[in-house]
Amino acid sequence: MRHRKAGRRLGRNSSHRKAMLRNMVTSLLQHEKITTTDARAKELRKLAEKMITLGKRGTLHARRQVLQVIQDKKVVAKLFEQIAPRYQERPGGYTRIIKLGHRSGDNASMSIIELVEEELTIKPKKKKAAKKAEPEVETPAVEETTTEEASTEEVPVEEEAAEEPAAEAGADDDATEEKNKD
């Protein structure tokens, strides 16, 4: 059993796996998008996000820590000068994994891992209290319509008053018809 053993082996011994992930994170930061298998992409995401977080710090110590993993100085310079400032306000989630389907040769599930491009827009969370606030906002609008309704209610009252004499006249007609019959 593999209880409490984090990470995927990816069919390699530890030194080969470490070298492969270092090469993949270098390629990801250099090209900002690579195609690989799902399992490798999920392992690569962990390492890439740690590198970007170190890049956001911008200190000499962070640069030396990144250089232990990424040994291409041009890629490290790109990380600290271009990539990390892009994500300065973002609290994480710098990469995206898009599943592509299966590889035709061995039916391995493939995916693209890429750096997220768009700016982060923080959306306000909807709260139950916010829903209650909406009817309060509508209440003054309802009061305005009630004022309008009151003015429209007056008009029907006048019409009803006008209809009442006609109804009375109709009643008078009935009374006159009864008198004529007598």
N, C-alpha and C. Protein backbone atom coordinates (compact mmCIF):
# COMPACT_ATOMS: atom_id res chain seq x y z
N MET A 1 0.83 -1.19 0.00
CA MET A 1 0.00 0.00 0.00
C MET A 1 0.87 1.25 0.00
N ARG A 2 0.34 2.34 -0.62
CA ARG A 2 1.11 3.58 -0.74
C ARG A 2 0.57 4.67 0.18
N HIS A 3 0.18 4.34 1.35
CA HIS A 3 -0.37 5.35 2.24
C HIS A 3 0.66 6.41 2.55
N ARG A 4 0.21 7.67 2.50
CA ARG A 4 1.03 8.84 2.85
C ARG A 4 2.27 8.99 2.00
N LYS A 5 2.22 8.54 0.75
CA LYS A 5 3.35 8.72 -0.17
C LYS A 5 2.87 9.62 -1.30
N ALA A 6 3.26 10.87 -1.22
CA ALA A 6 2.77 11.87 -2.18
C ALA A 6 3.55 11.79 -3.48
N GLY A 7 2.92 12.23 -4.54
CA GLY A 7 3.59 12.32 -5.83
C GLY A 7 3.44 11.06 -6.65
N ARG A 8 3.64 11.22 -7.97
CA ARG A 8 3.55 10.10 -8.90
C ARG A 8 4.96 9.66 -9.28
N ARG A 9 5.13 8.38 -9.51
CA ARG A 9 6.45 7.86 -9.89
C ARG A 9 6.74 8.05 -11.37
N LEU A 10 5.70 8.04 -12.17
CA LEU A 10 5.81 8.25 -13.62
C LEU A 10 6.70 7.21 -14.31
N GLY A 11 6.81 6.04 -13.71
CA GLY A 11 7.57 4.95 -14.33
C GLY A 11 9.06 5.18 -14.40
N ARG A 12 9.61 5.97 -13.52
CA ARG A 12 11.03 6.30 -13.54
C ARG A 12 11.60 6.24 -12.13
N ASN A 13 12.92 6.10 -12.04
CA ASN A 13 13.53 6.18 -10.71
C ASN A 13 13.64 7.66 -10.33
N SER A 14 14.02 7.92 -9.11
CA SER A 14 13.92 9.28 -8.59
C SER A 14 14.81 10.27 -9.33
N SER A 15 16.02 9.89 -9.69
CA SER A 15 16.90 10.84 -10.37
C SER A 15 16.40 11.13 -11.78
N HIS A 16 15.92 10.12 -12.48
CA HIS A 16 15.38 10.33 -13.83
C HIS A 16 14.11 11.20 -13.77
N ARG A 17 13.26 10.94 -12.79
CA ARG A 17 12.03 11.72 -12.62
C ARG A 17 12.36 13.18 -12.32
N LYS A 18 13.31 13.41 -11.44
CA LYS A 18 13.71 14.77 -11.08
C LYS A 18 14.27 15.51 -12.29
N ALA A 19 15.11 14.85 -13.07
CA ALA A 19 15.69 15.47 -14.26
C ALA A 19 14.61 15.77 -15.29
N MET A 20 13.67 14.83 -15.46
CA MET A 20 12.59 15.04 -16.44
C MET A 20 11.73 16.24 -16.05
N LEU A 21 11.36 16.36 -14.78
CA LEU A 21 10.52 17.47 -14.34
C LEU A 21 11.27 18.80 -14.43
N ARG A 22 12.58 18.79 -14.18
CA ARG A 22 13.36 20.01 -14.33
C ARG A 22 13.39 20.46 -15.78
N ASN A 23 13.55 19.52 -16.69
CA ASN A 23 13.54 19.86 -18.12
C ASN A 23 12.16 20.36 -18.54
N MET A 24 11.11 19.73 -18.03
CA MET A 24 9.76 20.12 -18.41
C MET A 24 9.39 21.50 -17.87
N VAL A 25 9.77 21.83 -16.65
CA VAL A 25 9.46 23.15 -16.12
C VAL A 25 10.26 24.22 -16.86
N THR A 26 11.48 23.89 -17.27
CA THR A 26 12.26 24.83 -18.07
C THR A 26 11.57 25.09 -19.41
N SER A 27 11.11 24.03 -20.06
CA SER A 27 10.41 24.18 -21.34
C SER A 27 9.10 24.94 -21.17
N LEU A 28 8.38 24.67 -20.10
CA LEU A 28 7.11 25.36 -19.86
C LEU A 28 7.33 26.86 -19.69
N LEU A 29 8.31 27.24 -18.91
CA LEU A 29 8.56 28.66 -18.68
C LEU A 29 9.15 29.33 -19.92
N GLN A 30 9.87 28.57 -20.72
CA GLN A 30 10.47 29.13 -21.93
C GLN A 30 9.41 29.35 -23.01
N HIS A 31 8.56 28.35 -23.25
CA HIS A 31 7.57 28.41 -24.33
C HIS A 31 6.18 28.80 -23.85
N GLU A 32 5.93 28.75 -22.54
CA GLU A 32 4.67 29.08 -21.89
C GLU A 32 3.53 28.13 -22.23
N LYS A 33 3.81 27.04 -22.95
CA LYS A 33 2.79 26.03 -23.27
C LYS A 33 3.52 24.79 -23.77
N ILE A 34 3.17 23.62 -23.19
CA ILE A 34 3.73 22.37 -23.69
C ILE A 34 2.64 21.29 -23.68
N THR A 35 2.83 20.26 -24.49
CA THR A 35 1.91 19.13 -24.56
C THR A 35 2.58 17.92 -23.93
N THR A 36 1.86 17.26 -23.02
CA THR A 36 2.41 16.10 -22.33
C THR A 36 1.25 15.23 -21.84
N THR A 37 1.56 14.17 -21.12
CA THR A 37 0.50 13.31 -20.60
C THR A 37 -0.14 13.97 -19.38
N ASP A 38 -1.32 13.50 -19.01
CA ASP A 38 -2.05 14.09 -17.88
C ASP A 38 -1.25 13.96 -16.58
N ALA A 39 -0.71 12.79 -16.32
CA ALA A 39 0.01 12.56 -15.05
C ALA A 39 1.24 13.47 -14.96
N ARG A 40 1.98 13.58 -16.04
CA ARG A 40 3.16 14.46 -16.03
C ARG A 40 2.74 15.92 -15.86
N ALA A 41 1.66 16.32 -16.51
CA ALA A 41 1.19 17.70 -16.40
C ALA A 41 0.80 18.03 -14.97
N LYS A 42 0.16 17.09 -14.29
CA LYS A 42 -0.26 17.33 -12.91
C LYS A 42 0.93 17.44 -11.97
N GLU A 43 1.98 16.66 -12.22
CA GLU A 43 3.19 16.76 -11.41
C GLU A 43 3.96 18.03 -11.76
N LEU A 44 3.96 18.38 -13.03
CA LEU A 44 4.68 19.57 -13.47
C LEU A 44 4.04 20.83 -12.90
N ARG A 45 2.72 20.83 -12.78
CA ARG A 45 2.02 22.00 -12.25
C ARG A 45 2.53 22.36 -10.86
N LYS A 46 2.76 21.37 -10.01
CA LYS A 46 3.25 21.62 -8.65
C LYS A 46 4.58 22.36 -8.68
N LEU A 47 5.49 21.88 -9.50
CA LEU A 47 6.83 22.46 -9.56
C LEU A 47 6.80 23.84 -10.23
N ALA A 48 6.03 23.99 -11.29
CA ALA A 48 5.98 25.26 -12.01
C ALA A 48 5.40 26.37 -11.13
N GLU A 49 4.37 26.03 -10.37
CA GLU A 49 3.77 27.05 -9.52
C GLU A 49 4.70 27.46 -8.38
N LYS A 50 5.51 26.53 -7.90
CA LYS A 50 6.51 26.88 -6.88
C LYS A 50 7.55 27.82 -7.46
N MET A 51 7.95 27.57 -8.71
CA MET A 51 8.96 28.43 -9.34
C MET A 51 8.41 29.84 -9.57
N ILE A 52 7.16 29.95 -9.98
CA ILE A 52 6.57 31.27 -10.21
C ILE A 52 6.39 32.01 -8.89
N THR A 53 6.04 31.29 -7.83
CA THR A 53 5.92 31.91 -6.52
C THR A 53 7.27 32.43 -6.05
N LEU A 54 8.33 31.68 -6.28
CA LEU A 54 9.67 32.17 -5.94
C LEU A 54 10.03 33.38 -6.80
N GLY A 55 9.62 33.36 -8.06
CA GLY A 55 9.88 34.49 -8.94
C GLY A 55 9.17 35.74 -8.47
N LYS A 56 7.99 35.60 -7.89
CA LYS A 56 7.25 36.76 -7.37
C LYS A 56 7.97 37.41 -6.20
N ARG A 57 8.72 36.62 -5.43
CA ARG A 57 9.47 37.19 -4.31
C ARG A 57 10.54 38.15 -4.81
N GLY A 58 11.26 37.72 -5.84
CA GLY A 58 12.24 38.59 -6.47
C GLY A 58 13.54 38.79 -5.70
N THR A 59 13.77 38.05 -4.65
CA THR A 59 15.00 38.23 -3.87
C THR A 59 16.13 37.41 -4.45
N LEU A 60 17.33 37.69 -4.02
CA LEU A 60 18.50 36.94 -4.47
C LEU A 60 18.41 35.49 -4.01
N HIS A 61 17.92 35.28 -2.81
CA HIS A 61 17.77 33.92 -2.29
C HIS A 61 16.77 33.12 -3.14
N ALA A 62 15.67 33.77 -3.51
CA ALA A 62 14.68 33.10 -4.35
C ALA A 62 15.27 32.77 -5.72
N ARG A 63 16.07 33.68 -6.27
CA ARG A 63 16.70 33.43 -7.58
C ARG A 63 17.64 32.23 -7.49
N ARG A 64 18.37 32.13 -6.40
CA ARG A 64 19.30 30.99 -6.24
C ARG A 64 18.54 29.68 -6.06
N GLN A 65 17.40 29.74 -5.37
CA GLN A 65 16.58 28.53 -5.23
C GLN A 65 16.03 28.08 -6.58
N VAL A 66 15.62 29.03 -7.42
CA VAL A 66 15.11 28.70 -8.75
C VAL A 66 16.25 28.14 -9.61
N LEU A 67 17.44 28.69 -9.48
CA LEU A 67 18.59 28.21 -10.27
C LEU A 67 18.98 26.78 -9.90
N GLN A 68 18.60 26.30 -8.74
CA GLN A 68 18.86 24.91 -8.39
C GLN A 68 17.99 23.97 -9.21
N VAL A 69 16.82 24.45 -9.63
CA VAL A 69 15.90 23.62 -10.40
C VAL A 69 16.05 23.90 -11.89
N ILE A 70 15.99 25.17 -12.27
CA ILE A 70 16.09 25.57 -13.67
C ILE A 70 17.52 26.05 -13.90
N GLN A 71 18.27 25.32 -14.69
CA GLN A 71 19.68 25.64 -14.84
C GLN A 71 19.98 26.49 -16.07
N ASP A 72 18.96 26.93 -16.78
CA ASP A 72 19.13 27.84 -17.91
C ASP A 72 18.93 29.27 -17.40
N LYS A 73 20.00 30.06 -17.42
CA LYS A 73 19.94 31.40 -16.85
C LYS A 73 19.01 32.32 -17.63
N LYS A 74 18.87 32.08 -18.93
CA LYS A 74 17.96 32.91 -19.73
C LYS A 74 16.50 32.68 -19.31
N VAL A 75 16.17 31.44 -19.03
CA VAL A 75 14.81 31.12 -18.59
C VAL A 75 14.55 31.69 -17.21
N VAL A 76 15.54 31.65 -16.33
CA VAL A 76 15.39 32.23 -14.99
C VAL A 76 15.20 33.74 -15.10
N ALA A 77 15.96 34.37 -15.98
CA ALA A 77 15.82 35.82 -16.18
C ALA A 77 14.41 36.13 -16.70
N LYS A 78 13.90 35.31 -17.63
CA LYS A 78 12.55 35.52 -18.16
C LYS A 78 11.52 35.35 -17.04
N LEU A 79 11.72 34.36 -16.18
CA LEU A 79 10.81 34.12 -15.06
C LEU A 79 10.74 35.34 -14.15
N PHE A 80 11.87 35.89 -13.78
CA PHE A 80 11.90 36.99 -12.82
C PHE A 80 11.52 38.33 -13.45
N GLU A 81 11.80 38.52 -14.74
CA GLU A 81 11.55 39.82 -15.37
C GLU A 81 10.22 39.91 -16.09
N GLN A 82 9.71 38.80 -16.65
CA GLN A 82 8.48 38.86 -17.44
C GLN A 82 7.32 38.09 -16.81
N ILE A 83 7.57 36.85 -16.43
CA ILE A 83 6.47 35.99 -15.99
C ILE A 83 5.99 36.35 -14.59
N ALA A 84 6.89 36.45 -13.63
CA ALA A 84 6.49 36.72 -12.24
C ALA A 84 5.76 38.05 -12.07
N PRO A 85 6.20 39.15 -12.70
CA PRO A 85 5.44 40.41 -12.54
C PRO A 85 4.01 40.32 -13.10
N ARG A 86 3.80 39.47 -14.08
CA ARG A 86 2.47 39.29 -14.66
C ARG A 86 1.49 38.73 -13.62
N TYR A 87 2.00 37.92 -12.69
CA TYR A 87 1.15 37.26 -11.69
C TYR A 87 1.30 37.87 -10.31
N GLN A 88 1.77 39.10 -10.20
CA GLN A 88 2.05 39.72 -8.91
C GLN A 88 0.80 39.81 -8.04
N GLU A 89 -0.35 40.10 -8.61
CA GLU A 89 -1.58 40.24 -7.84
C GLU A 89 -2.35 38.93 -7.70
N ARG A 90 -1.92 37.90 -8.40
CA ARG A 90 -2.65 36.63 -8.41
C ARG A 90 -2.17 35.76 -7.25
N PRO A 91 -3.08 35.20 -6.43
CA PRO A 91 -2.66 34.42 -5.27
C PRO A 91 -2.37 32.95 -5.56
N GLY A 92 -2.25 32.57 -6.79
CA GLY A 92 -1.96 31.17 -7.14
C GLY A 92 -2.71 30.81 -8.41
N GLY A 93 -2.56 29.57 -8.84
CA GLY A 93 -3.27 29.14 -10.04
C GLY A 93 -2.69 29.75 -11.29
N TYR A 94 -1.38 29.61 -11.47
CA TYR A 94 -0.71 30.24 -12.61
C TYR A 94 -0.77 29.38 -13.87
N THR A 95 -1.12 28.11 -13.72
CA THR A 95 -1.13 27.22 -14.87
C THR A 95 -2.53 26.66 -15.10
N ARG A 96 -2.74 26.19 -16.33
CA ARG A 96 -4.02 25.60 -16.73
C ARG A 96 -3.72 24.30 -17.46
N ILE A 97 -4.47 23.26 -17.15
CA ILE A 97 -4.31 21.98 -17.84
C ILE A 97 -5.57 21.75 -18.68
N ILE A 98 -5.38 21.56 -19.99
CA ILE A 98 -6.49 21.32 -20.91
C ILE A 98 -6.32 19.91 -21.46
N LYS A 99 -7.30 19.07 -21.27
CA LYS A 99 -7.21 17.68 -21.73
C LYS A 99 -7.48 17.63 -23.22
N LEU A 100 -6.66 16.83 -23.92
CA LEU A 100 -6.76 16.74 -25.38
C LEU A 100 -7.40 15.46 -25.88
N GLY A 101 -7.36 14.42 -25.11
CA GLY A 101 -7.86 13.13 -25.58
C GLY A 101 -6.76 12.09 -25.39
N HIS A 102 -6.75 11.08 -26.26
CA HIS A 102 -5.79 10.00 -26.10
C HIS A 102 -4.80 9.96 -27.26
N ARG A 103 -3.56 9.61 -26.94
CA ARG A 103 -2.51 9.49 -27.95
C ARG A 103 -2.76 8.24 -28.76
N SER A 104 -2.56 8.32 -30.05
CA SER A 104 -2.91 7.20 -30.92
C SER A 104 -1.99 5.99 -30.73
N GLY A 105 -0.74 6.20 -30.37
CA GLY A 105 0.19 5.08 -30.25
C GLY A 105 -0.07 4.16 -29.08
N ASP A 106 -0.19 4.74 -27.88
CA ASP A 106 -0.33 3.90 -26.68
C ASP A 106 -1.60 4.23 -25.88
N ASN A 107 -2.47 5.09 -26.43
CA ASN A 107 -3.73 5.46 -25.81
C ASN A 107 -3.53 6.19 -24.48
N ALA A 108 -2.40 6.87 -24.32
CA ALA A 108 -2.15 7.66 -23.11
C ALA A 108 -2.97 8.94 -23.20
N SER A 109 -3.55 9.34 -22.08
CA SER A 109 -4.34 10.57 -22.09
C SER A 109 -3.39 11.77 -22.13
N MET A 110 -3.61 12.63 -23.10
CA MET A 110 -2.73 13.78 -23.34
C MET A 110 -3.40 15.06 -22.89
N SER A 111 -2.58 16.05 -22.58
CA SER A 111 -3.12 17.35 -22.20
C SER A 111 -2.09 18.43 -22.50
N ILE A 112 -2.57 19.66 -22.55
CA ILE A 112 -1.71 20.83 -22.72
C ILE A 112 -1.64 21.50 -21.36
N ILE A 113 -0.44 21.85 -20.94
CA ILE A 113 -0.28 22.67 -19.73
C ILE A 113 0.28 24.00 -20.20
N GLU A 114 -0.36 25.08 -19.76
CA GLU A 114 0.04 26.40 -20.21
C GLU A 114 -0.07 27.39 -19.07
N LEU A 115 0.63 28.50 -19.20
CA LEU A 115 0.52 29.56 -18.23
C LEU A 115 -0.75 30.35 -18.51
N VAL A 116 -1.44 30.74 -17.47
CA VAL A 116 -2.68 31.49 -17.61
C VAL A 116 -2.33 32.90 -18.06
N GLU A 117 -3.02 33.40 -19.07
CA GLU A 117 -2.70 34.69 -19.66
C GLU A 117 -3.53 35.85 -19.12
N GLU A 118 -4.84 35.67 -19.00
CA GLU A 118 -5.71 36.80 -18.68
C GLU A 118 -5.47 37.30 -17.27
N GLU A 119 -5.83 38.55 -17.08
CA GLU A 119 -5.70 39.17 -15.78
C GLU A 119 -6.76 38.61 -14.84
N LEU A 120 -6.45 38.56 -13.59
CA LEU A 120 -7.38 38.07 -12.59
C LEU A 120 -8.37 39.17 -12.23
N THR A 121 -9.65 38.87 -12.35
CA THR A 121 -10.67 39.80 -11.91
C THR A 121 -11.39 39.14 -10.75
N ILE A 122 -11.27 39.73 -9.60
CA ILE A 122 -11.87 39.17 -8.41
C ILE A 122 -13.35 39.51 -8.41
N LYS A 123 -14.17 38.48 -8.41
CA LYS A 123 -15.60 38.67 -8.43
C LYS A 123 -16.11 38.68 -6.99
N PRO A 124 -17.01 39.59 -6.66
CA PRO A 124 -17.55 39.59 -5.30
C PRO A 124 -18.41 38.36 -5.08
N LYS A 125 -18.24 37.79 -3.91
CA LYS A 125 -19.00 36.59 -3.58
C LYS A 125 -20.43 36.99 -3.23
N LYS A 126 -21.36 36.20 -3.74
CA LYS A 126 -22.76 36.47 -3.45
C LYS A 126 -23.09 35.91 -2.07
N LYS A 127 -23.73 36.72 -1.28
CA LYS A 127 -24.10 36.30 0.06
C LYS A 127 -25.61 36.29 0.16
N LYS A 128 -26.12 35.55 1.11
CA LYS A 128 -27.57 35.51 1.31
C LYS A 128 -28.08 36.88 1.72
N ALA A 129 -27.28 37.62 2.48
CA ALA A 129 -27.69 38.96 2.89
C ALA A 129 -27.79 39.88 1.68
N ALA A 130 -26.97 39.67 0.68
CA ALA A 130 -27.02 40.49 -0.52
C ALA A 130 -28.33 40.27 -1.25
N LYS A 131 -28.85 39.07 -1.23
CA LYS A 131 -30.13 38.79 -1.88
C LYS A 131 -31.25 39.52 -1.15
N LYS A 132 -31.15 39.63 0.18
CA LYS A 132 -32.17 40.33 0.93
C LYS A 132 -32.08 41.83 0.67
N ALA A 133 -30.88 42.31 0.36
CA ALA A 133 -30.70 43.73 0.10
C ALA A 133 -31.36 44.13 -1.21
N GLU A 134 -31.44 43.24 -2.17
CA GLU A 134 -32.04 43.57 -3.45
C GLU A 134 -33.50 43.98 -3.32
N PRO A 135 -34.36 43.25 -2.57
CA PRO A 135 -35.75 43.72 -2.42
C PRO A 135 -35.84 45.07 -1.74
N GLU A 136 -34.90 45.39 -0.83
CA GLU A 136 -34.92 46.69 -0.19
C GLU A 136 -34.67 47.78 -1.22
N VAL A 137 -33.83 47.50 -2.17
CA VAL A 137 -33.56 48.46 -3.22
C VAL A 137 -34.80 48.64 -4.09
N GLU A 138 -35.52 47.55 -4.33
CA GLU A 138 -36.71 47.61 -5.15
C GLU A 138 -37.87 48.26 -4.41
N THR A 139 -37.87 48.30 -3.10
CA THR A 139 -38.98 48.84 -2.33
C THR A 139 -39.23 50.32 -2.66
N PRO A 140 -38.20 51.20 -2.74
CA PRO A 140 -38.49 52.58 -3.13
C PRO A 140 -39.08 52.67 -4.54
N ALA A 141 -38.63 51.81 -5.43
CA ALA A 141 -39.18 51.81 -6.77
C ALA A 141 -40.65 51.41 -6.73
N VAL A 142 -41.00 50.48 -5.85
CA VAL A 142 -42.39 50.06 -5.70
C VAL A 142 -43.22 51.20 -5.16
N GLU A 143 -42.65 51.99 -4.24
CA GLU A 143 -43.37 53.13 -3.69
C GLU A 143 -43.69 54.14 -4.79
N GLU A 144 -42.74 54.32 -5.69
CA GLU A 144 -42.98 55.25 -6.79
C GLU A 144 -44.14 54.75 -7.66
N THR A 145 -44.16 53.46 -7.91
CA THR A 145 -45.24 52.92 -8.73
C THR A 145 -46.56 52.98 -7.99
N THR A 146 -46.51 52.87 -6.67
CA THR A 146 -47.76 52.98 -5.92
C THR A 146 -48.29 54.39 -6.01
N THR A 147 -47.41 55.38 -6.08
CA THR A 147 -47.85 56.76 -6.27
C THR A 147 -48.51 56.89 -7.63
N GLU A 148 -47.90 56.28 -8.63
CA GLU A 148 -48.48 56.31 -9.96
C GLU A 148 -49.78 55.53 -9.97
N GLU A 149 -49.80 54.40 -9.29
CA GLU A 149 -51.02 53.60 -9.22
C GLU A 149 -52.12 54.36 -8.51
N ALA A 150 -51.74 55.14 -7.49
CA ALA A 150 -52.74 55.92 -6.77
C ALA A 150 -53.37 56.94 -7.71
N SER A 151 -52.54 57.56 -8.55
CA SER A 151 -53.10 58.52 -9.49
C SER A 151 -53.96 57.81 -10.53
N THR A 152 -53.56 56.58 -10.92
CA THR A 152 -54.38 55.84 -11.87
C THR A 152 -55.62 55.28 -11.19
N GLU A 153 -55.53 55.04 -9.89
CA GLU A 153 -56.70 54.55 -9.18
C GLU A 153 -57.76 55.64 -9.08
N GLU A 154 -57.32 56.90 -9.00
CA GLU A 154 -58.28 58.00 -8.94
C GLU A 154 -59.09 58.08 -10.22
N VAL A 155 -58.42 57.83 -11.34
CA VAL A 155 -59.11 57.90 -12.62
C VAL A 155 -60.22 56.86 -12.69
N PRO A 156 -59.98 55.60 -12.32
CA PRO A 156 -61.08 54.65 -12.36
C PRO A 156 -62.20 55.02 -11.40
N VAL A 157 -61.87 55.66 -10.27
CA VAL A 157 -62.91 56.05 -9.34
C VAL A 157 -63.84 57.04 -10.03
N GLU A 158 -63.29 57.97 -10.78
CA GLU A 158 -64.10 58.94 -11.51
C GLU A 158 -64.92 58.22 -12.57
N GLU A 159 -64.29 57.24 -13.24
CA GLU A 159 -65.02 56.49 -14.25
C GLU A 159 -66.15 55.70 -13.61
N GLU A 160 -65.87 55.14 -12.44
CA GLU A 160 -66.93 54.41 -11.74
C GLU A 160 -68.06 55.34 -11.37
N ALA A 161 -67.68 56.55 -10.95
CA ALA A 161 -68.71 57.53 -10.61
C ALA A 161 -69.53 57.88 -11.85
N ALA A 162 -68.85 57.96 -12.98
CA ALA A 162 -69.56 58.25 -14.23
C ALA A 162 -70.44 57.07 -14.62
N GLU A 163 -70.00 55.88 -14.32
CA GLU A 163 -70.77 54.69 -14.66
C GLU A 163 -71.98 54.54 -13.75
N GLU A 164 -71.86 54.99 -12.51
CA GLU A 164 -72.95 54.86 -11.57
C GLU A 164 -74.19 55.63 -12.02
N PRO A 165 -74.06 56.88 -12.49
CA PRO A 165 -75.27 57.56 -12.95
C PRO A 165 -75.88 56.84 -14.15
N ALA A 166 -75.04 56.27 -14.99
CA ALA A 166 -75.56 55.54 -16.13
C ALA A 166 -76.31 54.31 -15.64
N ALA A 167 -75.78 53.69 -14.62
CA ALA A 167 -76.46 52.52 -14.05
C ALA A 167 -77.76 52.95 -13.41
N GLU A 168 -77.73 54.10 -12.74
CA GLU A 168 -78.95 54.62 -12.14
C GLU A 168 -79.95 54.98 -13.23
N ALA A 169 -79.42 55.52 -14.32
CA ALA A 169 -80.30 55.86 -15.44
C ALA A 169 -80.91 54.59 -15.99
N GLY A 170 -80.14 53.54 -16.04
CA GLY A 170 -80.66 52.26 -16.50
C GLY A 170 -81.74 51.76 -15.55
N ALA A 171 -81.52 52.00 -14.26
CA ALA A 171 -82.54 51.61 -13.27
C ALA A 171 -83.78 52.46 -13.45
N ASP A 172 -83.60 53.72 -13.78
CA ASP A 172 -84.74 54.60 -14.03
C ASP A 172 -85.50 54.14 -15.27
N ASP A 173 -84.78 53.68 -16.26
CA ASP A 173 -85.41 53.18 -17.47
C ASP A 173 -86.30 51.98 -17.13
N ASP A 174 -85.77 51.13 -16.26
CA ASP A 174 -86.56 49.96 -15.85
C ASP A 174 -87.82 50.40 -15.11
N ALA A 175 -87.64 51.43 -14.26
CA ALA A 175 -88.78 51.93 -13.49
C ALA A 175 -89.81 52.57 -14.42
N THR A 176 -89.34 53.28 -15.40
CA THR A 176 -90.27 53.91 -16.34
C THR A 176 -90.97 52.88 -17.20
N GLU A 177 -90.27 51.83 -17.53
CA GLU A 177 -90.90 50.76 -18.32
C GLU A 177 -91.99 50.10 -17.51
N GLU A 178 -91.75 49.94 -16.21
CA GLU A 178 -92.77 49.32 -15.35
C GLU A 178 -93.99 50.24 -15.24
N LYS A 179 -93.77 51.57 -15.19
CA LYS A 179 -94.87 52.51 -15.11
C LYS A 179 -95.68 52.50 -16.40
N ASN A 180 -94.96 52.36 -17.52
CA ASN A 180 -95.64 52.35 -18.79
C ASN A 180 -96.52 51.10 -18.92
N LYS A 181 -96.05 50.01 -18.35
CA LYS A 181 -96.82 48.78 -18.41
C LYS A 181 -98.09 48.90 -17.59
N ASP A 182 -98.02 49.66 -16.54
CA ASP A 182 -99.20 49.80 -15.68
C ASP A 182 -100.20 50.63 -16.35
